[in-house]
All heavy atoms as atom14 arrays in JSON, in Angstrom:
{
  "sequence": "EPIRITYDYGTEDGSESGKLSRTAIVLGEASEL",
  "atom14_mask": [
    [1, 1, 1, 1, 1, 1, 1, 1, 1, 0, 0, 0, 0, 0],
    [1, 1, 1, 1, 1, 1, 1, 0, 0, 0, 0, 0, 0, 0],
    [1, 1, 1, 1, 1, 1, 1, 1, 0, 0, 0, 0, 0, 0],
    [1, 1, 1, 1, 1, 1, 1, 1, 1, 1, 1, 0, 0, 0],
    [1, 1, 1, 1, 1, 1, 1, 1, 0, 0, 0, 0, 0, 0],
    [1, 1, 1, 1, 1, 1, 1, 0, 0, 0, 0, 0, 0, 0],
    [1, 1, 1, 1, 1, 1, 1, 1, 1, 1, 1, 1, 0, 0],
    [1, 1, 1, 1, 1, 1, 1, 1, 0, 0, 0, 0, 0, 0],
    [1, 1, 1, 1, 1, 1, 1, 1, 1, 1, 1, 1, 0, 0],
    [1, 1, 1, 1, 0, 0, 0, 0, 0, 0, 0, 0, 0, 0],
    [1, 1, 1, 1, 1, 1, 1, 0, 0, 0, 0, 0, 0, 0],
    [1, 1, 1, 1, 1, 1, 1, 1, 1, 0, 0, 0, 0, 0],
    [1, 1, 1, 1, 1, 1, 1, 1, 0, 0, 0, 0, 0, 0],
    [1, 1, 1, 1, 0, 0, 0, 0, 0, 0, 0, 0, 0, 0],
    [1, 1, 1, 1, 1, 1, 0, 0, 0, 0, 0, 0, 0, 0],
    [1, 1, 1, 1, 1, 1, 1, 1, 1, 0, 0, 0, 0, 0],
    [1, 1, 1, 1, 1, 1, 0, 0, 0, 0, 0, 0, 0, 0],
    [1, 1, 1, 1, 0, 0, 0, 0, 0, 0, 0, 0, 0, 0],
    [1, 1, 1, 1, 1, 1, 1, 1, 1, 0, 0, 0, 0, 0],
    [1, 1, 1, 1, 1, 1, 1, 1, 0, 0, 0, 0, 0, 0],
    [1, 1, 1, 1, 1, 1, 0, 0, 0, 0, 0, 0, 0, 0],
    [1, 1, 1, 1, 1, 1, 1, 1, 1, 1, 1, 0, 0, 0],
    [1, 1, 1, 1, 1, 1, 1, 0, 0, 0, 0, 0, 0, 0],
    [1, 1, 1, 1, 1, 0, 0, 0, 0, 0, 0, 0, 0, 0],
    [1, 1, 1, 1, 1, 1, 1, 1, 0, 0, 0, 0, 0, 0],
    [1, 1, 1, 1, 1, 1, 1, 0, 0, 0, 0, 0, 0, 0],
    [1, 1, 1, 1, 1, 1, 1, 1, 0, 0, 0, 0, 0, 0],
    [1, 1, 1, 1, 0, 0, 0, 0, 0, 0, 0, 0, 0, 0],
    [1, 1, 1, 1, 1, 1, 1, 1, 1, 0, 0, 0, 0, 0],
    [1, 1, 1, 1, 1, 0, 0, 0, 0, 0, 0, 0, 0, 0],
    [1, 1, 1, 1, 1, 1, 0, 0, 0, 0, 0, 0, 0, 0],
    [1, 1, 1, 1, 1, 1, 1, 1, 1, 0, 0, 0, 0, 0],
    [1, 1, 1, 1, 1, 1, 1, 1, 0, 0, 0, 0, 0, 0]
  ],
  "atom14_positions": [
    [[-81.11, 61.11, -112.93], [-80.53, 60.22, -111.94], [-81.63, 59.65, -111.04], [-82.51, 60.38, -110.6], [-79.5, 60.95, -111.08], [-78.21, 61.23, -111.8], [-77.46, 59.94, -112.13], [-77.31, 59.09, -111.23], [-77.04, 59.79, -113.29], [0.0, 0.0, 0.0], [0.0, 0.0, 0.0], [0.0, 0.0, 0.0], [0.0, 0.0, 0.0], [0.0, 0.0, 0.0]],
    [[-81.58, 58.35, -110.75], [-82.61, 57.76, -109.87], [-82.34, 58.08, -108.4], [-81.2, 58.29, -107.99], [-82.45, 56.26, -110.12], [-80.99, 56.11, -110.45], [-80.62, 57.34, -111.23], [0.0, 0.0, 0.0], [0.0, 0.0, 0.0], [0.0, 0.0, 0.0], [0.0, 0.0, 0.0], [0.0, 0.0, 0.0], [0.0, 0.0, 0.0], [0.0, 0.0, 0.0]],
    [[-83.4, 58.13, -107.62], [-83.27, 58.15, -106.16], [-83.08, 56.7, -105.72], [-83.85, 55.83, -106.09], [-84.53, 58.72, -105.5], [-84.76, 60.17, -105.92], [-84.43, 58.63, -103.98], [-86.06, 60.76, -105.4], [0.0, 0.0, 0.0], [0.0, 0.0, 0.0], [0.0, 0.0, 0.0], [0.0, 0.0, 0.0], [0.0, 0.0, 0.0], [0.0, 0.0, 0.0]],
    [[-82.03, 56.45, -104.93], [-81.79, 55.11, -104.4], [-81.91, 55.16, -102.88], [-81.18, 55.91, -102.22], [-80.41, 54.59, -104.8], [-80.18, 54.52, -106.3], [-78.88, 53.82, -106.64], [-78.55, 53.99, -108.05], [-77.65, 54.87, -108.5], [-76.98, 55.62, -107.63], [-77.41, 55.0, -109.78], [0.0, 0.0, 0.0], [0.0, 0.0, 0.0], [0.0, 0.0, 0.0]],
    [[-82.83, 54.36, -102.34], [-83.08, 54.37, -100.91], [-83.01, 52.94, -100.37], [-83.61, 52.03, -100.95], [-84.46, 54.95, -100.57], [-84.65, 56.33, -101.23], [-84.66, 55.07, -99.06], [-86.04, 56.88, -101.1], [0.0, 0.0, 0.0], [0.0, 0.0, 0.0], [0.0, 0.0, 0.0], [0.0, 0.0, 0.0], [0.0, 0.0, 0.0], [0.0, 0.0, 0.0]],
    [[-82.27, 52.75, -99.28], [-82.21, 51.45, -98.62], [-82.91, 51.56, -97.28], [-82.58, 52.43, -96.46], [-80.75, 51.01, -98.4], [-80.1, 50.88, -99.67], [-80.71, 49.67, -97.68], [0.0, 0.0, 0.0], [0.0, 0.0, 0.0], [0.0, 0.0, 0.0], [0.0, 0.0, 0.0], [0.0, 0.0, 0.0], [0.0, 0.0, 0.0], [0.0, 0.0, 0.0]],
    [[-83.89, 50.7, -97.06], [-84.62, 50.65, -95.79], [-84.11, 49.47, -94.98], [-84.08, 48.33, -95.46], [-86.12, 50.48, -96.04], [-86.76, 51.67, -96.71], [-86.82, 51.77, -98.09], [-87.32, 52.71, -95.96], [-87.41, 52.86, -98.71], [-87.91, 53.8, -96.57], [-87.96, 53.87, -97.94], [-88.53, 54.95, -98.56], [0.0, 0.0, 0.0], [0.0, 0.0, 0.0]],
    [[-83.73, 49.74, -93.73], [-83.27, 48.7, -92.83], [-84.3, 48.52, -91.71], [-84.47, 49.4, -90.87], [-81.9, 49.07, -92.24], [-81.3, 47.94, -91.41], [-81.99, 46.92, -91.2], [-80.14, 48.08, -90.98], [0.0, 0.0, 0.0], [0.0, 0.0, 0.0], [0.0, 0.0, 0.0], [0.0, 0.0, 0.0], [0.0, 0.0, 0.0], [0.0, 0.0, 0.0]],
    [[-84.96, 47.38, -91.73], [-85.99, 47.1, -90.73], [-85.44, 46.38, -89.5], [-86.19, 45.98, -88.62], [-87.14, 46.31, -91.36], [-88.05, 47.18, -92.18], [-87.69, 47.6, -93.46], [-89.27, 47.61, -91.69], [-88.52, 48.42, -94.2], [-90.11, 48.42, -92.44], [-89.72, 48.82, -93.69], [-90.54, 49.64, -94.44], [0.0, 0.0, 0.0], [0.0, 0.0, 0.0]],
    [[-84.12, 46.21, -89.46], [-83.49, 45.63, -88.29], [-83.81, 44.16, -88.11], [-84.31, 43.49, -89.01], [0.0, 0.0, 0.0], [0.0, 0.0, 0.0], [0.0, 0.0, 0.0], [0.0, 0.0, 0.0], [0.0, 0.0, 0.0], [0.0, 0.0, 0.0], [0.0, 0.0, 0.0], [0.0, 0.0, 0.0], [0.0, 0.0, 0.0], [0.0, 0.0, 0.0]],
    [[-83.53, 43.66, -86.91], [-83.8, 42.27, -86.58], [-84.67, 42.2, -85.33], [-84.77, 43.16, -84.57], [-82.49, 41.51, -86.32], [-81.77, 42.17, -85.27], [-81.63, 41.49, -87.57], [0.0, 0.0, 0.0], [0.0, 0.0, 0.0], [0.0, 0.0, 0.0], [0.0, 0.0, 0.0], [0.0, 0.0, 0.0], [0.0, 0.0, 0.0], [0.0, 0.0, 0.0]],
    [[-85.27, 41.05, -85.12], [-86.13, 40.85, -83.96], [-85.29, 40.95, -82.69], [-84.36, 40.18, -82.46], [-86.8, 39.47, -84.04], [-87.59, 39.09, -82.82], [-88.63, 40.13, -82.44], [-89.31, 40.64, -83.35], [-88.74, 40.44, -81.25], [0.0, 0.0, 0.0], [0.0, 0.0, 0.0], [0.0, 0.0, 0.0], [0.0, 0.0, 0.0], [0.0, 0.0, 0.0]],
    [[-85.6, 41.95, -81.85], [-84.83, 42.18, -80.63], [-85.68, 42.07, -79.36], [-85.3, 42.55, -78.3], [-84.17, 43.57, -80.67], [-85.18, 44.68, -80.9], [-86.38, 44.39, -80.91], [-84.76, 45.84, -81.05], [0.0, 0.0, 0.0], [0.0, 0.0, 0.0], [0.0, 0.0, 0.0], [0.0, 0.0, 0.0], [0.0, 0.0, 0.0], [0.0, 0.0, 0.0]],
    [[-86.85, 41.47, -79.48], [-87.73, 41.34, -78.33], [-88.69, 42.5, -78.16], [-89.59, 42.46, -77.32], [0.0, 0.0, 0.0], [0.0, 0.0, 0.0], [0.0, 0.0, 0.0], [0.0, 0.0, 0.0], [0.0, 0.0, 0.0], [0.0, 0.0, 0.0], [0.0, 0.0, 0.0], [0.0, 0.0, 0.0], [0.0, 0.0, 0.0], [0.0, 0.0, 0.0]],
    [[-88.54, 43.55, -78.99], [-89.43, 44.69, -78.9], [-90.82, 44.33, -79.41], [-90.98, 43.53, -80.33], [-88.86, 45.85, -79.74], [-89.8, 46.91, -79.82], [0.0, 0.0, 0.0], [0.0, 0.0, 0.0], [0.0, 0.0, 0.0], [0.0, 0.0, 0.0], [0.0, 0.0, 0.0], [0.0, 0.0, 0.0], [0.0, 0.0, 0.0], [0.0, 0.0, 0.0]],
    [[-91.83, 44.95, -78.81], [-93.21, 44.71, -79.23], [-93.63, 45.65, -80.37], [-94.74, 45.55, -80.87], [-94.15, 44.89, -78.04], [-93.98, 43.85, -76.94], [-94.26, 42.44, -77.44], [-95.2, 42.26, -78.23], [-93.52, 41.53, -77.04], [0.0, 0.0, 0.0], [0.0, 0.0, 0.0], [0.0, 0.0, 0.0], [0.0, 0.0, 0.0], [0.0, 0.0, 0.0]],
    [[-92.77, 46.56, -80.75], [-93.09, 47.54, -81.79], [-92.79, 47.01, -83.18], [-91.81, 46.27, -83.38], [-92.3, 48.85, -81.57], [-92.65, 49.44, -80.34], [0.0, 0.0, 0.0], [0.0, 0.0, 0.0], [0.0, 0.0, 0.0], [0.0, 0.0, 0.0], [0.0, 0.0, 0.0], [0.0, 0.0, 0.0], [0.0, 0.0, 0.0], [0.0, 0.0, 0.0]],
    [[-93.63, 47.39, -84.15], [-93.35, 47.12, -85.53], [-92.61, 48.3, -86.14], [-92.39, 49.32, -85.49], [0.0, 0.0, 0.0], [0.0, 0.0, 0.0], [0.0, 0.0, 0.0], [0.0, 0.0, 0.0], [0.0, 0.0, 0.0], [0.0, 0.0, 0.0], [0.0, 0.0, 0.0], [0.0, 0.0, 0.0], [0.0, 0.0, 0.0], [0.0, 0.0, 0.0]],
    [[-92.23, 48.17, -87.41], [-91.55, 49.25, -88.09], [-92.27, 49.57, -89.4], [-92.67, 48.68, -90.14], [-90.09, 48.89, -88.35], [-89.28, 48.81, -87.06], [-87.79, 48.7, -87.33], [-87.01, 48.74, -86.02], [-85.56, 48.65, -86.24], [0.0, 0.0, 0.0], [0.0, 0.0, 0.0], [0.0, 0.0, 0.0], [0.0, 0.0, 0.0], [0.0, 0.0, 0.0]],
    [[-92.42, 50.88, -89.64], [-93.22, 51.34, -90.78], [-92.5, 52.46, -91.51], [-91.94, 53.37, -90.89], [-94.59, 51.84, -90.29], [-95.5, 52.53, -91.3], [-95.99, 51.54, -92.35], [-96.69, 53.17, -90.59], [0.0, 0.0, 0.0], [0.0, 0.0, 0.0], [0.0, 0.0, 0.0], [0.0, 0.0, 0.0], [0.0, 0.0, 0.0], [0.0, 0.0, 0.0]],
    [[-92.48, 52.39, -92.83], [-92.0, 53.5, -93.66], [-93.16, 54.06, -94.45], [-94.02, 53.31, -94.93], [-90.88, 53.03, -94.61], [-91.33, 51.96, -95.42], [0.0, 0.0, 0.0], [0.0, 0.0, 0.0], [0.0, 0.0, 0.0], [0.0, 0.0, 0.0], [0.0, 0.0, 0.0], [0.0, 0.0, 0.0], [0.0, 0.0, 0.0], [0.0, 0.0, 0.0]],
    [[-93.21, 55.4, -94.58], [-94.29, 56.08, -95.3], [-93.67, 57.05, -96.29], [-92.8, 57.85, -95.94], [-95.18, 56.84, -94.32], [-96.05, 55.93, -93.45], [-96.45, 56.56, -92.12], [-96.97, 57.9, -92.22], [-98.27, 58.24, -92.2], [-99.19, 57.31, -92.1], [-98.64, 59.49, -92.24], [0.0, 0.0, 0.0], [0.0, 0.0, 0.0], [0.0, 0.0, 0.0]],
    [[-94.13, 56.97, -97.54], [-93.53, 57.78, -98.6], [-94.62, 58.37, -99.49], [-95.55, 57.68, -99.88], [-92.58, 56.94, -99.48], [-91.62, 56.28, -98.64], [-91.86, 57.81, -100.49], [0.0, 0.0, 0.0], [0.0, 0.0, 0.0], [0.0, 0.0, 0.0], [0.0, 0.0, 0.0], [0.0, 0.0, 0.0], [0.0, 0.0, 0.0], [0.0, 0.0, 0.0]],
    [[-94.46, 59.66, -99.81], [-95.33, 60.32, -100.78], [-94.49, 60.76, -101.97], [-93.39, 61.31, -101.8], [-96.01, 61.53, -100.16], [0.0, 0.0, 0.0], [0.0, 0.0, 0.0], [0.0, 0.0, 0.0], [0.0, 0.0, 0.0], [0.0, 0.0, 0.0], [0.0, 0.0, 0.0], [0.0, 0.0, 0.0], [0.0, 0.0, 0.0], [0.0, 0.0, 0.0]],
    [[-94.97, 60.49, -103.17], [-94.28, 60.89, -104.4], [-95.25, 61.71, -105.23], [-96.32, 61.22, -105.62], [-93.79, 59.68, -105.2], [-92.84, 58.83, -104.34], [-93.09, 60.13, -106.48], [-92.42, 57.53, -104.99], [0.0, 0.0, 0.0], [0.0, 0.0, 0.0], [0.0, 0.0, 0.0], [0.0, 0.0, 0.0], [0.0, 0.0, 0.0], [0.0, 0.0, 0.0]],
    [[-94.89, 62.98, -105.5], [-95.76, 63.89, -106.23], [-95.02, 64.39, -107.47], [-93.95, 64.99, -107.36], [-96.18, 65.08, -105.35], [-97.1, 66.01, -106.13], [-96.87, 64.59, -104.08], [0.0, 0.0, 0.0], [0.0, 0.0, 0.0], [0.0, 0.0, 0.0], [0.0, 0.0, 0.0], [0.0, 0.0, 0.0], [0.0, 0.0, 0.0], [0.0, 0.0, 0.0]],
    [[-95.6, 64.14, -108.63], [-94.97, 64.53, -109.89], [-95.77, 65.64, -110.57], [-96.97, 65.49, -110.81], [-94.87, 63.33, -110.83], [-94.15, 62.09, -110.3], [-94.1, 61.01, -111.37], [-92.75, 62.43, -109.83], [0.0, 0.0, 0.0], [0.0, 0.0, 0.0], [0.0, 0.0, 0.0], [0.0, 0.0, 0.0], [0.0, 0.0, 0.0], [0.0, 0.0, 0.0]],
    [[-95.07, 66.74, -110.87], [-95.71, 67.82, -111.59], [-95.92, 67.46, -113.06], [-95.4, 66.45, -113.56], [0.0, 0.0, 0.0], [0.0, 0.0, 0.0], [0.0, 0.0, 0.0], [0.0, 0.0, 0.0], [0.0, 0.0, 0.0], [0.0, 0.0, 0.0], [0.0, 0.0, 0.0], [0.0, 0.0, 0.0], [0.0, 0.0, 0.0], [0.0, 0.0, 0.0]],
    [[-96.67, 68.28, -113.75], [-97.0, 68.01, -115.15], [-95.74, 67.84, -116.0], [-94.79, 68.6, -115.89], [-97.85, 69.15, -115.71], [-98.39, 68.9, -117.1], [-99.41, 69.94, -117.53], [-100.05, 70.54, -116.64], [-99.57, 70.14, -118.75], [0.0, 0.0, 0.0], [0.0, 0.0, 0.0], [0.0, 0.0, 0.0], [0.0, 0.0, 0.0], [0.0, 0.0, 0.0]],
    [[-95.73, 66.77, -116.83], [-94.65, 66.47, -117.77], [-93.32, 66.18, -117.08], [-92.25, 66.32, -117.68], [-94.48, 67.6, -118.78], [0.0, 0.0, 0.0], [0.0, 0.0, 0.0], [0.0, 0.0, 0.0], [0.0, 0.0, 0.0], [0.0, 0.0, 0.0], [0.0, 0.0, 0.0], [0.0, 0.0, 0.0], [0.0, 0.0, 0.0], [0.0, 0.0, 0.0]],
    [[-93.36, 65.76, -115.82], [-92.12, 65.41, -115.12], [-91.9, 63.9, -115.16], [-92.82, 63.13, -115.45], [-92.18, 65.89, -113.67], [-93.2, 65.2, -112.95], [0.0, 0.0, 0.0], [0.0, 0.0, 0.0], [0.0, 0.0, 0.0], [0.0, 0.0, 0.0], [0.0, 0.0, 0.0], [0.0, 0.0, 0.0], [0.0, 0.0, 0.0], [0.0, 0.0, 0.0]],
    [[-90.65, 63.5, -114.85], [-90.31, 62.07, -114.83], [-89.35, 61.8, -113.69], [-88.49, 62.62, -113.37], [-89.67, 61.64, -116.17], [-90.61, 61.71, -117.36], [-89.96, 61.21, -118.64], [-88.82, 60.68, -118.56], [-90.58, 61.34, -119.71], [0.0, 0.0, 0.0], [0.0, 0.0, 0.0], [0.0, 0.0, 0.0], [0.0, 0.0, 0.0], [0.0, 0.0, 0.0]],
    [[-89.5, 60.61, -113.06], [-88.66, 60.25, -111.93], [-88.55, 58.73, -111.83], [-89.5, 58.01, -112.12], [-89.27, 60.8, -110.63], [-88.52, 60.47, -109.32], [-87.16, 61.14, -109.3], [-89.35, 60.87, -108.12], [0.0, 0.0, 0.0], [0.0, 0.0, 0.0], [0.0, 0.0, 0.0], [0.0, 0.0, 0.0], [0.0, 0.0, 0.0], [0.0, 0.0, 0.0]]
  ]
}
């Protein structure tokens, strides 16, 4: 089964901050994803 992820970065609301997503994917020997 696949992992399904939805990222919502919102809308411009006057904030000075940006938005960042960080992901690590580690696959062991002979694995599949």
